[in-house]
Amino acid sequence: MNARVSLVSATDTPAGSRPLLDAIHGAFGATPNMFRAAANSPAALQALWGFFGALGGGSIEPKLGEQIAVAVADRNACEYCLAAHTALGRKAGASADEMLAAQAGESADPATAAALRFALKLVEQRGQVAPADVDELRAAGFGDGQIVEILAHVALNLFTNYLNVAFNVPVDFPGVKLRRAA
């Protein structure tokens, strides 16, 4: 599988991307292909890494963030994000069964299930959700800040899904089978 944009290397990294790729390498112990593709544009890489960092410091638990990511990835048929976020979800404490359920937008935990339903409605309805959809999140215990963060997680994952699908970025995480095609 060949990427449709170059995956920058240490020898051809734009100067503006080099410090960010060093930070990414330090965080992961490697430089995932997705970031190598984004690094073609220092601005895009900065936006992407900054988005990850901001949400990493948010009020949504990492496990839920990863569950949202696999639900969105599966819905958009992004094999790269599905593989990456399944691995990250396991690292965040989710079981294999929890991550598999999240792919389908499901969870045994009522609050997580509500968040996943909302995330998938955002994707499927292009943000056109009803007041009752937001009210369901409040009833599940989410405050307005967390509700906005759920939307932000969806937006970040749309960015990464589109990056990886549009540019055919080779998966460099253990593969995970899609449950549903886009």
N, C-alpha and C. Protein backbone atom coordinates (compact mmCIF):
# COMPACT_ATOMS: atom_id res chain seq x y z
N MET A 1 0.85 -1.17 0.00
CA MET A 1 0.00 0.00 0.00
C MET A 1 0.89 1.23 0.00
N ASN A 2 0.67 2.12 -0.94
CA ASN A 2 1.47 3.33 -1.04
C ASN A 2 0.65 4.53 -0.61
N ALA A 3 1.24 5.34 0.26
CA ALA A 3 0.60 6.56 0.69
C ALA A 3 0.52 7.52 -0.50
N ARG A 4 -0.51 8.36 -0.50
CA ARG A 4 -0.71 9.31 -1.60
C ARG A 4 0.04 10.61 -1.38
N VAL A 5 0.61 10.79 -0.19
CA VAL A 5 1.54 11.90 0.09
C VAL A 5 2.76 11.25 0.72
N SER A 6 3.87 11.95 0.69
CA SER A 6 5.08 11.35 1.25
C SER A 6 4.96 11.25 2.77
N LEU A 7 5.57 10.22 3.29
CA LEU A 7 5.71 10.05 4.74
C LEU A 7 7.10 10.56 5.05
N VAL A 8 7.18 11.76 5.61
CA VAL A 8 8.49 12.40 5.78
C VAL A 8 9.39 11.55 6.66
N SER A 9 10.66 11.70 6.42
CA SER A 9 11.68 10.99 7.20
C SER A 9 12.58 12.02 7.86
N ALA A 10 13.53 11.55 8.61
CA ALA A 10 14.47 12.45 9.30
C ALA A 10 15.24 13.33 8.31
N THR A 11 15.42 12.85 7.09
CA THR A 11 16.21 13.61 6.12
C THR A 11 15.40 14.60 5.30
N ASP A 12 14.08 14.43 5.24
CA ASP A 12 13.28 15.34 4.41
C ASP A 12 12.15 16.04 5.17
N THR A 13 12.25 16.11 6.48
CA THR A 13 11.23 16.76 7.30
C THR A 13 11.32 18.27 7.13
N PRO A 14 10.19 18.93 6.83
CA PRO A 14 10.23 20.41 6.81
C PRO A 14 10.70 20.93 8.17
N ALA A 15 11.47 21.99 8.16
CA ALA A 15 12.06 22.52 9.40
C ALA A 15 11.01 22.79 10.47
N GLY A 16 9.85 23.29 10.08
CA GLY A 16 8.80 23.60 11.04
C GLY A 16 8.18 22.37 11.68
N SER A 17 8.33 21.22 11.06
CA SER A 17 7.76 19.98 11.60
C SER A 17 8.73 19.22 12.50
N ARG A 18 10.02 19.48 12.35
CA ARG A 18 11.03 18.69 13.06
C ARG A 18 10.84 18.67 14.58
N PRO A 19 10.65 19.82 15.26
CA PRO A 19 10.50 19.77 16.72
C PRO A 19 9.24 18.99 17.15
N LEU A 20 8.18 19.13 16.39
CA LEU A 20 6.96 18.40 16.73
C LEU A 20 7.14 16.90 16.52
N LEU A 21 7.79 16.51 15.43
CA LEU A 21 8.03 15.08 15.22
C LEU A 21 8.93 14.51 16.31
N ASP A 22 9.87 15.31 16.80
CA ASP A 22 10.71 14.85 17.91
C ASP A 22 9.86 14.62 19.15
N ALA A 23 8.92 15.52 19.42
CA ALA A 23 8.02 15.37 20.58
C ALA A 23 7.12 14.15 20.41
N ILE A 24 6.61 13.95 19.21
CA ILE A 24 5.73 12.81 18.92
C ILE A 24 6.51 11.52 19.09
N HIS A 25 7.73 11.49 18.58
CA HIS A 25 8.57 10.30 18.72
C HIS A 25 8.81 10.01 20.20
N GLY A 26 9.05 11.05 20.98
CA GLY A 26 9.26 10.86 22.41
C GLY A 26 8.02 10.33 23.11
N ALA A 27 6.85 10.77 22.67
CA ALA A 27 5.60 10.32 23.31
C ALA A 27 5.26 8.88 22.97
N PHE A 28 5.54 8.47 21.73
CA PHE A 28 5.17 7.13 21.27
C PHE A 28 6.33 6.14 21.27
N GLY A 29 7.56 6.63 21.32
CA GLY A 29 8.72 5.76 21.19
C GLY A 29 9.00 5.42 19.73
N ALA A 30 8.23 6.00 18.84
CA ALA A 30 8.35 5.84 17.39
C ALA A 30 7.58 7.01 16.78
N THR A 31 7.65 7.15 15.48
CA THR A 31 6.88 8.20 14.81
C THR A 31 5.83 7.52 13.93
N PRO A 32 4.59 7.45 14.41
CA PRO A 32 3.54 6.81 13.61
C PRO A 32 3.38 7.46 12.23
N ASN A 33 3.06 6.64 11.25
CA ASN A 33 2.94 7.09 9.87
C ASN A 33 1.96 8.26 9.71
N MET A 34 0.88 8.27 10.48
CA MET A 34 -0.08 9.36 10.36
C MET A 34 0.60 10.71 10.58
N PHE A 35 1.45 10.80 11.59
CA PHE A 35 2.14 12.06 11.87
C PHE A 35 3.18 12.36 10.80
N ARG A 36 3.79 11.33 10.24
CA ARG A 36 4.75 11.53 9.15
C ARG A 36 4.05 12.10 7.93
N ALA A 37 2.81 11.69 7.68
CA ALA A 37 2.04 12.25 6.57
C ALA A 37 1.66 13.69 6.86
N ALA A 38 1.16 13.95 8.06
CA ALA A 38 0.75 15.31 8.42
C ALA A 38 1.92 16.27 8.43
N ALA A 39 3.13 15.76 8.70
CA ALA A 39 4.32 16.61 8.81
C ALA A 39 4.70 17.28 7.50
N ASN A 40 4.10 16.88 6.39
CA ASN A 40 4.33 17.60 5.14
C ASN A 40 3.95 19.07 5.28
N SER A 41 3.00 19.34 6.16
CA SER A 41 2.58 20.70 6.46
C SER A 41 2.83 20.98 7.94
N PRO A 42 3.80 21.81 8.27
CA PRO A 42 4.02 22.12 9.69
C PRO A 42 2.75 22.65 10.37
N ALA A 43 1.95 23.41 9.66
CA ALA A 43 0.71 23.95 10.25
C ALA A 43 -0.27 22.82 10.57
N ALA A 44 -0.43 21.88 9.64
CA ALA A 44 -1.35 20.75 9.88
C ALA A 44 -0.85 19.88 11.02
N LEU A 45 0.45 19.63 11.06
CA LEU A 45 1.01 18.82 12.14
C LEU A 45 0.83 19.53 13.48
N GLN A 46 1.07 20.82 13.52
CA GLN A 46 0.90 21.58 14.76
C GLN A 46 -0.56 21.54 15.20
N ALA A 47 -1.50 21.69 14.28
CA ALA A 47 -2.91 21.62 14.63
C ALA A 47 -3.27 20.24 15.18
N LEU A 48 -2.80 19.21 14.52
CA LEU A 48 -3.10 17.84 14.92
C LEU A 48 -2.53 17.53 16.30
N TRP A 49 -1.26 17.81 16.50
CA TRP A 49 -0.60 17.48 17.77
C TRP A 49 -1.17 18.35 18.89
N GLY A 50 -1.45 19.59 18.58
CA GLY A 50 -2.04 20.48 19.59
C GLY A 50 -3.44 20.02 20.00
N PHE A 51 -4.21 19.51 19.05
CA PHE A 51 -5.55 19.01 19.32
C PHE A 51 -5.46 17.79 20.25
N PHE A 52 -4.54 16.88 19.95
CA PHE A 52 -4.34 15.71 20.82
C PHE A 52 -3.94 16.15 22.23
N GLY A 53 -3.00 17.09 22.31
CA GLY A 53 -2.54 17.54 23.62
C GLY A 53 -3.62 18.23 24.42
N ALA A 54 -4.40 19.07 23.77
CA ALA A 54 -5.47 19.79 24.47
C ALA A 54 -6.51 18.81 25.01
N LEU A 55 -6.93 17.87 24.20
CA LEU A 55 -7.94 16.92 24.66
C LEU A 55 -7.38 15.94 25.68
N GLY A 56 -6.09 15.66 25.58
CA GLY A 56 -5.46 14.79 26.58
C GLY A 56 -5.50 15.40 27.97
N GLY A 57 -5.59 16.72 28.05
CA GLY A 57 -5.69 17.41 29.33
C GLY A 57 -7.11 17.80 29.69
N GLY A 58 -8.07 17.27 28.95
CA GLY A 58 -9.47 17.63 29.18
C GLY A 58 -10.11 16.83 30.30
N SER A 59 -11.43 16.97 30.41
CA SER A 59 -12.16 16.31 31.49
C SER A 59 -12.71 14.94 31.11
N ILE A 60 -12.65 14.60 29.82
CA ILE A 60 -13.08 13.27 29.38
C ILE A 60 -11.95 12.29 29.66
N GLU A 61 -12.26 11.19 30.31
CA GLU A 61 -11.25 10.18 30.62
C GLU A 61 -10.64 9.61 29.33
N PRO A 62 -9.35 9.30 29.34
CA PRO A 62 -8.71 8.76 28.14
C PRO A 62 -9.42 7.52 27.58
N LYS A 63 -9.89 6.65 28.44
CA LYS A 63 -10.58 5.44 27.96
C LYS A 63 -11.79 5.82 27.11
N LEU A 64 -12.60 6.76 27.57
CA LEU A 64 -13.77 7.18 26.80
C LEU A 64 -13.35 7.86 25.51
N GLY A 65 -12.30 8.66 25.56
CA GLY A 65 -11.81 9.28 24.33
C GLY A 65 -11.43 8.25 23.28
N GLU A 66 -10.80 7.16 23.72
CA GLU A 66 -10.40 6.10 22.78
C GLU A 66 -11.62 5.31 22.28
N GLN A 67 -12.61 5.14 23.14
CA GLN A 67 -13.83 4.46 22.71
C GLN A 67 -14.56 5.29 21.65
N ILE A 68 -14.62 6.59 21.85
CA ILE A 68 -15.20 7.47 20.84
C ILE A 68 -14.41 7.35 19.55
N ALA A 69 -13.09 7.33 19.65
CA ALA A 69 -12.24 7.25 18.46
C ALA A 69 -12.49 5.99 17.66
N VAL A 70 -12.65 4.84 18.32
CA VAL A 70 -12.87 3.61 17.53
C VAL A 70 -14.27 3.59 16.94
N ALA A 71 -15.25 4.16 17.62
CA ALA A 71 -16.60 4.23 17.05
C ALA A 71 -16.59 5.07 15.78
N VAL A 72 -15.96 6.22 15.85
CA VAL A 72 -15.89 7.12 14.68
C VAL A 72 -15.05 6.48 13.57
N ALA A 73 -13.94 5.87 13.94
CA ALA A 73 -13.08 5.23 12.93
C ALA A 73 -13.82 4.11 12.21
N ASP A 74 -14.54 3.30 12.96
CA ASP A 74 -15.26 2.20 12.32
C ASP A 74 -16.35 2.75 11.40
N ARG A 75 -17.04 3.79 11.84
CA ARG A 75 -18.10 4.38 11.02
C ARG A 75 -17.54 4.96 9.73
N ASN A 76 -16.31 5.50 9.78
CA ASN A 76 -15.69 6.09 8.61
C ASN A 76 -14.76 5.13 7.87
N ALA A 77 -14.75 3.88 8.27
CA ALA A 77 -13.90 2.85 7.65
C ALA A 77 -12.43 3.27 7.60
N CYS A 78 -11.95 3.83 8.71
CA CYS A 78 -10.55 4.22 8.81
C CYS A 78 -9.80 3.13 9.56
N GLU A 79 -9.16 2.25 8.81
CA GLU A 79 -8.44 1.14 9.42
C GLU A 79 -7.26 1.63 10.26
N TYR A 80 -6.63 2.71 9.83
CA TYR A 80 -5.49 3.23 10.58
C TYR A 80 -5.92 3.66 11.98
N CYS A 81 -6.94 4.51 12.05
CA CYS A 81 -7.39 5.02 13.36
C CYS A 81 -7.99 3.91 14.21
N LEU A 82 -8.67 2.98 13.58
CA LEU A 82 -9.23 1.87 14.34
C LEU A 82 -8.11 1.07 15.01
N ALA A 83 -7.06 0.79 14.27
CA ALA A 83 -5.93 0.04 14.83
C ALA A 83 -5.22 0.85 15.93
N ALA A 84 -4.92 2.12 15.64
CA ALA A 84 -4.19 2.94 16.60
C ALA A 84 -4.99 3.14 17.89
N HIS A 85 -6.27 3.47 17.76
CA HIS A 85 -7.05 3.78 18.96
C HIS A 85 -7.49 2.54 19.72
N THR A 86 -7.54 1.41 19.05
CA THR A 86 -7.78 0.17 19.79
C THR A 86 -6.58 -0.11 20.70
N ALA A 87 -5.39 0.05 20.16
CA ALA A 87 -4.18 -0.15 20.98
C ALA A 87 -4.12 0.88 22.11
N LEU A 88 -4.42 2.14 21.80
CA LEU A 88 -4.38 3.18 22.83
C LEU A 88 -5.48 2.98 23.87
N GLY A 89 -6.63 2.49 23.44
CA GLY A 89 -7.72 2.21 24.37
C GLY A 89 -7.36 1.10 25.34
N ARG A 90 -6.69 0.08 24.84
CA ARG A 90 -6.24 -1.01 25.72
C ARG A 90 -5.23 -0.46 26.73
N LYS A 91 -4.36 0.43 26.27
CA LYS A 91 -3.38 1.06 27.15
C LYS A 91 -4.06 1.94 28.20
N ALA A 92 -5.23 2.49 27.85
CA ALA A 92 -5.98 3.36 28.77
C ALA A 92 -6.88 2.57 29.71
N GLY A 93 -6.84 1.24 29.63
CA GLY A 93 -7.58 0.41 30.57
C GLY A 93 -8.83 -0.25 30.05
N ALA A 94 -9.14 -0.10 28.79
CA ALA A 94 -10.32 -0.76 28.22
C ALA A 94 -9.99 -2.21 27.88
N SER A 95 -10.94 -3.09 28.09
CA SER A 95 -10.75 -4.49 27.71
C SER A 95 -10.94 -4.64 26.20
N ALA A 96 -10.51 -5.76 25.67
CA ALA A 96 -10.71 -6.04 24.25
C ALA A 96 -12.20 -6.02 23.92
N ASP A 97 -13.02 -6.58 24.81
CA ASP A 97 -14.47 -6.60 24.57
C ASP A 97 -15.05 -5.19 24.59
N GLU A 98 -14.57 -4.34 25.50
CA GLU A 98 -15.06 -2.96 25.54
C GLU A 98 -14.71 -2.21 24.26
N MET A 99 -13.52 -2.44 23.74
CA MET A 99 -13.12 -1.76 22.51
C MET A 99 -13.90 -2.29 21.31
N LEU A 100 -14.15 -3.59 21.28
CA LEU A 100 -14.95 -4.17 20.20
C LEU A 100 -16.37 -3.62 20.23
N ALA A 101 -16.97 -3.54 21.42
CA ALA A 101 -18.31 -2.97 21.56
C ALA A 101 -18.32 -1.51 21.12
N ALA A 102 -17.29 -0.76 21.50
CA ALA A 102 -17.23 0.65 21.14
C ALA A 102 -17.19 0.84 19.63
N GLN A 103 -16.56 -0.08 18.92
CA GLN A 103 -16.56 0.00 17.46
C GLN A 103 -17.98 0.08 16.92
N ALA A 104 -18.89 -0.62 17.55
CA ALA A 104 -20.28 -0.64 17.12
C ALA A 104 -21.09 0.47 17.81
N GLY A 105 -20.42 1.30 18.59
CA GLY A 105 -21.12 2.38 19.29
C GLY A 105 -21.87 1.90 20.51
N GLU A 106 -21.38 0.82 21.11
CA GLU A 106 -22.09 0.22 22.24
C GLU A 106 -21.17 0.12 23.46
N SER A 107 -21.81 0.09 24.64
CA SER A 107 -21.10 -0.09 25.89
C SER A 107 -22.08 -0.57 26.94
N ALA A 108 -21.60 -1.41 27.85
CA ALA A 108 -22.42 -1.85 28.99
C ALA A 108 -22.58 -0.72 30.01
N ASP A 109 -21.68 0.26 29.98
CA ASP A 109 -21.77 1.41 30.87
C ASP A 109 -22.74 2.43 30.27
N PRO A 110 -23.79 2.80 30.98
CA PRO A 110 -24.81 3.71 30.41
C PRO A 110 -24.24 5.07 29.97
N ALA A 111 -23.34 5.65 30.74
CA ALA A 111 -22.78 6.95 30.36
C ALA A 111 -21.94 6.83 29.09
N THR A 112 -21.12 5.79 29.03
CA THR A 112 -20.30 5.57 27.83
C THR A 112 -21.20 5.31 26.62
N ALA A 113 -22.23 4.52 26.81
CA ALA A 113 -23.16 4.23 25.70
C ALA A 113 -23.81 5.52 25.20
N ALA A 114 -24.20 6.41 26.11
CA ALA A 114 -24.80 7.69 25.71
C ALA A 114 -23.80 8.53 24.92
N ALA A 115 -22.55 8.58 25.39
CA ALA A 115 -21.51 9.35 24.69
C ALA A 115 -21.26 8.78 23.30
N LEU A 116 -21.22 7.47 23.17
CA LEU A 116 -20.97 6.85 21.87
C LEU A 116 -22.15 7.08 20.92
N ARG A 117 -23.38 6.99 21.43
CA ARG A 117 -24.55 7.28 20.58
C ARG A 117 -24.49 8.71 20.06
N PHE A 118 -24.15 9.64 20.95
CA PHE A 118 -24.06 11.04 20.56
C PHE A 118 -22.95 11.24 19.53
N ALA A 119 -21.79 10.65 19.76
CA ALA A 119 -20.67 10.78 18.83
C ALA A 119 -21.06 10.30 17.44
N LEU A 120 -21.71 9.15 17.38
CA LEU A 120 -22.09 8.61 16.07
C LEU A 120 -23.20 9.43 15.42
N LYS A 121 -24.09 10.01 16.22
CA LYS A 121 -25.11 10.91 15.64
C LYS A 121 -24.43 12.13 15.04
N LEU A 122 -23.42 12.67 15.72
CA LEU A 122 -22.69 13.80 15.16
C LEU A 122 -22.10 13.45 13.79
N VAL A 123 -21.50 12.27 13.69
CA VAL A 123 -20.88 11.85 12.43
C VAL A 123 -21.95 11.62 11.36
N GLU A 124 -22.94 10.83 11.69
CA GLU A 124 -23.95 10.44 10.71
C GLU A 124 -24.83 11.61 10.27
N GLN A 125 -25.10 12.54 11.18
CA GLN A 125 -26.00 13.64 10.88
C GLN A 125 -25.26 14.96 10.67
N ARG A 126 -23.94 14.85 10.53
CA ARG A 126 -23.08 16.01 10.25
C ARG A 126 -23.35 17.16 11.21
N GLY A 127 -23.45 16.81 12.49
CA GLY A 127 -23.61 17.81 13.53
C GLY A 127 -25.05 18.23 13.78
N GLN A 128 -25.97 17.78 12.95
CA GLN A 128 -27.37 18.18 13.08
C GLN A 128 -28.09 17.32 14.12
N VAL A 129 -27.74 17.52 15.39
CA VAL A 129 -28.35 16.76 16.47
C VAL A 129 -29.51 17.56 17.07
N ALA A 130 -30.37 16.86 17.77
CA ALA A 130 -31.55 17.48 18.38
C ALA A 130 -31.27 17.84 19.83
N PRO A 131 -32.05 18.76 20.38
CA PRO A 131 -31.90 19.09 21.81
C PRO A 131 -32.00 17.84 22.69
N ALA A 132 -32.83 16.90 22.32
CA ALA A 132 -32.98 15.67 23.11
C ALA A 132 -31.69 14.86 23.15
N ASP A 133 -30.88 14.95 22.09
CA ASP A 133 -29.60 14.24 22.07
C ASP A 133 -28.64 14.81 23.12
N VAL A 134 -28.63 16.12 23.25
CA VAL A 134 -27.79 16.76 24.26
C VAL A 134 -28.36 16.48 25.65
N ASP A 135 -29.68 16.52 25.76
CA ASP A 135 -30.32 16.23 27.05
C ASP A 135 -30.01 14.81 27.53
N GLU A 136 -29.90 13.87 26.59
CA GLU A 136 -29.57 12.49 26.96
C GLU A 136 -28.18 12.42 27.61
N LEU A 137 -27.25 13.22 27.10
CA LEU A 137 -25.92 13.26 27.70
C LEU A 137 -25.97 13.85 29.11
N ARG A 138 -26.74 14.90 29.27
CA ARG A 138 -26.88 15.49 30.61
C ARG A 138 -27.49 14.48 31.58
N ALA A 139 -28.50 13.75 31.11
CA ALA A 139 -29.15 12.74 31.96
C ALA A 139 -28.18 11.63 32.33
N ALA A 140 -27.18 11.40 31.47
CA ALA A 140 -26.17 10.36 31.73
C ALA A 140 -25.06 10.87 32.65
N GLY A 141 -25.14 12.15 33.04
CA GLY A 141 -24.17 12.68 33.99
C GLY A 141 -23.10 13.59 33.41
N PHE A 142 -23.19 13.93 32.14
CA PHE A 142 -22.19 14.80 31.53
C PHE A 142 -22.60 16.27 31.67
N GLY A 143 -21.63 17.10 32.04
CA GLY A 143 -21.84 18.54 32.08
C GLY A 143 -21.56 19.15 30.72
N ASP A 144 -21.87 20.42 30.58
CA ASP A 144 -21.69 21.08 29.29
C ASP A 144 -20.25 21.04 28.79
N GLY A 145 -19.29 21.21 29.69
CA GLY A 145 -17.88 21.13 29.26
C GLY A 145 -17.54 19.77 28.68
N GLN A 146 -18.01 18.72 29.32
CA GLN A 146 -17.76 17.37 28.82
C GLN A 146 -18.49 17.12 27.51
N ILE A 147 -19.68 17.68 27.37
CA ILE A 147 -20.44 17.51 26.12
C ILE A 147 -19.69 18.17 24.97
N VAL A 148 -19.15 19.36 25.22
CA VAL A 148 -18.36 20.03 24.18
C VAL A 148 -17.11 19.21 23.88
N GLU A 149 -16.48 18.62 24.89
CA GLU A 149 -15.29 17.79 24.65
C GLU A 149 -15.62 16.54 23.85
N ILE A 150 -16.78 15.94 24.07
CA ILE A 150 -17.18 14.79 23.26
C ILE A 150 -17.22 15.20 21.79
N LEU A 151 -17.81 16.36 21.51
CA LEU A 151 -17.84 16.86 20.14
C LEU A 151 -16.41 17.10 19.63
N ALA A 152 -15.55 17.65 20.48
CA ALA A 152 -14.17 17.89 20.07
C ALA A 152 -13.44 16.59 19.74
N HIS A 153 -13.69 15.54 20.51
CA HIS A 153 -13.09 14.23 20.20
C HIS A 153 -13.57 13.74 18.84
N VAL A 154 -14.84 13.94 18.55
CA VAL A 154 -15.36 13.54 17.24
C VAL A 154 -14.66 14.34 16.15
N ALA A 155 -14.55 15.64 16.33
CA ALA A 155 -13.92 16.49 15.32
C ALA A 155 -12.46 16.09 15.08
N LEU A 156 -11.71 15.84 16.15
CA LEU A 156 -10.33 15.39 16.00
C LEU A 156 -10.28 14.09 15.21
N ASN A 157 -11.17 13.18 15.53
CA ASN A 157 -11.14 11.89 14.84
C ASN A 157 -11.60 11.99 13.40
N LEU A 158 -12.48 12.93 13.07
CA LEU A 158 -12.81 13.15 11.67
C LEU A 158 -11.56 13.62 10.92
N PHE A 159 -10.80 14.52 11.52
CA PHE A 159 -9.56 15.01 10.93
C PHE A 159 -8.61 13.84 10.66
N THR A 160 -8.37 13.03 11.68
CA THR A 160 -7.42 11.93 11.49
C THR A 160 -7.96 10.85 10.56
N ASN A 161 -9.25 10.57 10.62
CA ASN A 161 -9.84 9.58 9.70
C ASN A 161 -9.65 10.04 8.27
N TYR A 162 -9.98 11.29 8.00
CA TYR A 162 -9.87 11.80 6.63
C TYR A 162 -8.42 11.83 6.17
N LEU A 163 -7.51 12.22 7.06
CA LEU A 163 -6.09 12.23 6.72
C LEU A 163 -5.63 10.84 6.29
N ASN A 164 -5.97 9.85 7.08
CA ASN A 164 -5.50 8.49 6.81
C ASN A 164 -6.20 7.83 5.64
N VAL A 165 -7.48 8.06 5.49
CA VAL A 165 -8.22 7.44 4.38
C VAL A 165 -7.87 8.14 3.06
N ALA A 166 -7.94 9.46 3.05
CA ALA A 166 -7.69 10.20 1.80
C ALA A 166 -6.28 9.98 1.27
N PHE A 167 -5.31 9.89 2.19
CA PHE A 167 -3.92 9.76 1.77
C PHE A 167 -3.39 8.34 1.86
N ASN A 168 -4.30 7.38 2.14
CA ASN A 168 -3.93 5.96 2.12
C ASN A 168 -2.70 5.68 2.98
N VAL A 169 -2.71 6.23 4.20
CA VAL A 169 -1.55 6.09 5.09
C VAL A 169 -1.44 4.63 5.56
N PRO A 170 -0.29 4.01 5.38
CA PRO A 170 -0.11 2.61 5.79
C PRO A 170 -0.23 2.46 7.31
N VAL A 171 -0.98 1.45 7.72
CA VAL A 171 -1.21 1.17 9.13
C VAL A 171 0.07 0.60 9.74
N ASP A 172 0.51 1.22 10.83
CA ASP A 172 1.71 0.74 11.53
C ASP A 172 1.41 0.41 12.99
N PHE A 173 0.18 -0.01 13.24
CA PHE A 173 -0.26 -0.54 14.53
C PHE A 173 -0.84 -1.92 14.25
N PRO A 174 -0.99 -2.77 15.27
CA PRO A 174 -1.61 -4.08 15.01
C PRO A 174 -3.02 -3.91 14.42
N GLY A 175 -3.27 -4.59 13.32
CA GLY A 175 -4.52 -4.45 12.59
C GLY A 175 -5.74 -4.87 13.38
N VAL A 176 -6.86 -4.21 13.13
CA VAL A 176 -8.15 -4.51 13.73
C VAL A 176 -9.18 -4.53 12.60
N LYS A 177 -10.03 -5.55 12.61
CA LYS A 177 -11.02 -5.70 11.55
C LYS A 177 -12.16 -4.69 11.73
N LEU A 178 -12.50 -4.00 10.66
CA LEU A 178 -13.64 -3.12 10.67
C LEU A 178 -14.91 -3.92 10.87
N ARG A 179 -15.85 -3.39 11.62
CA ARG A 179 -17.15 -4.04 11.81
C ARG A 179 -18.12 -3.58 10.73
N ARG A 180 -17.97 -2.36 10.29
CA ARG A 180 -18.91 -1.75 9.37
C ARG A 180 -18.15 -0.92 8.35
N ALA A 181 -18.52 -1.02 7.11
CA ALA A 181 -17.92 -0.18 6.08
C ALA A 181 -18.64 1.16 6.05
N ALA A 182 -17.93 2.19 5.64
CA ALA A 182 -18.54 3.54 5.57
C ALA A 182 -19.59 3.59 4.49
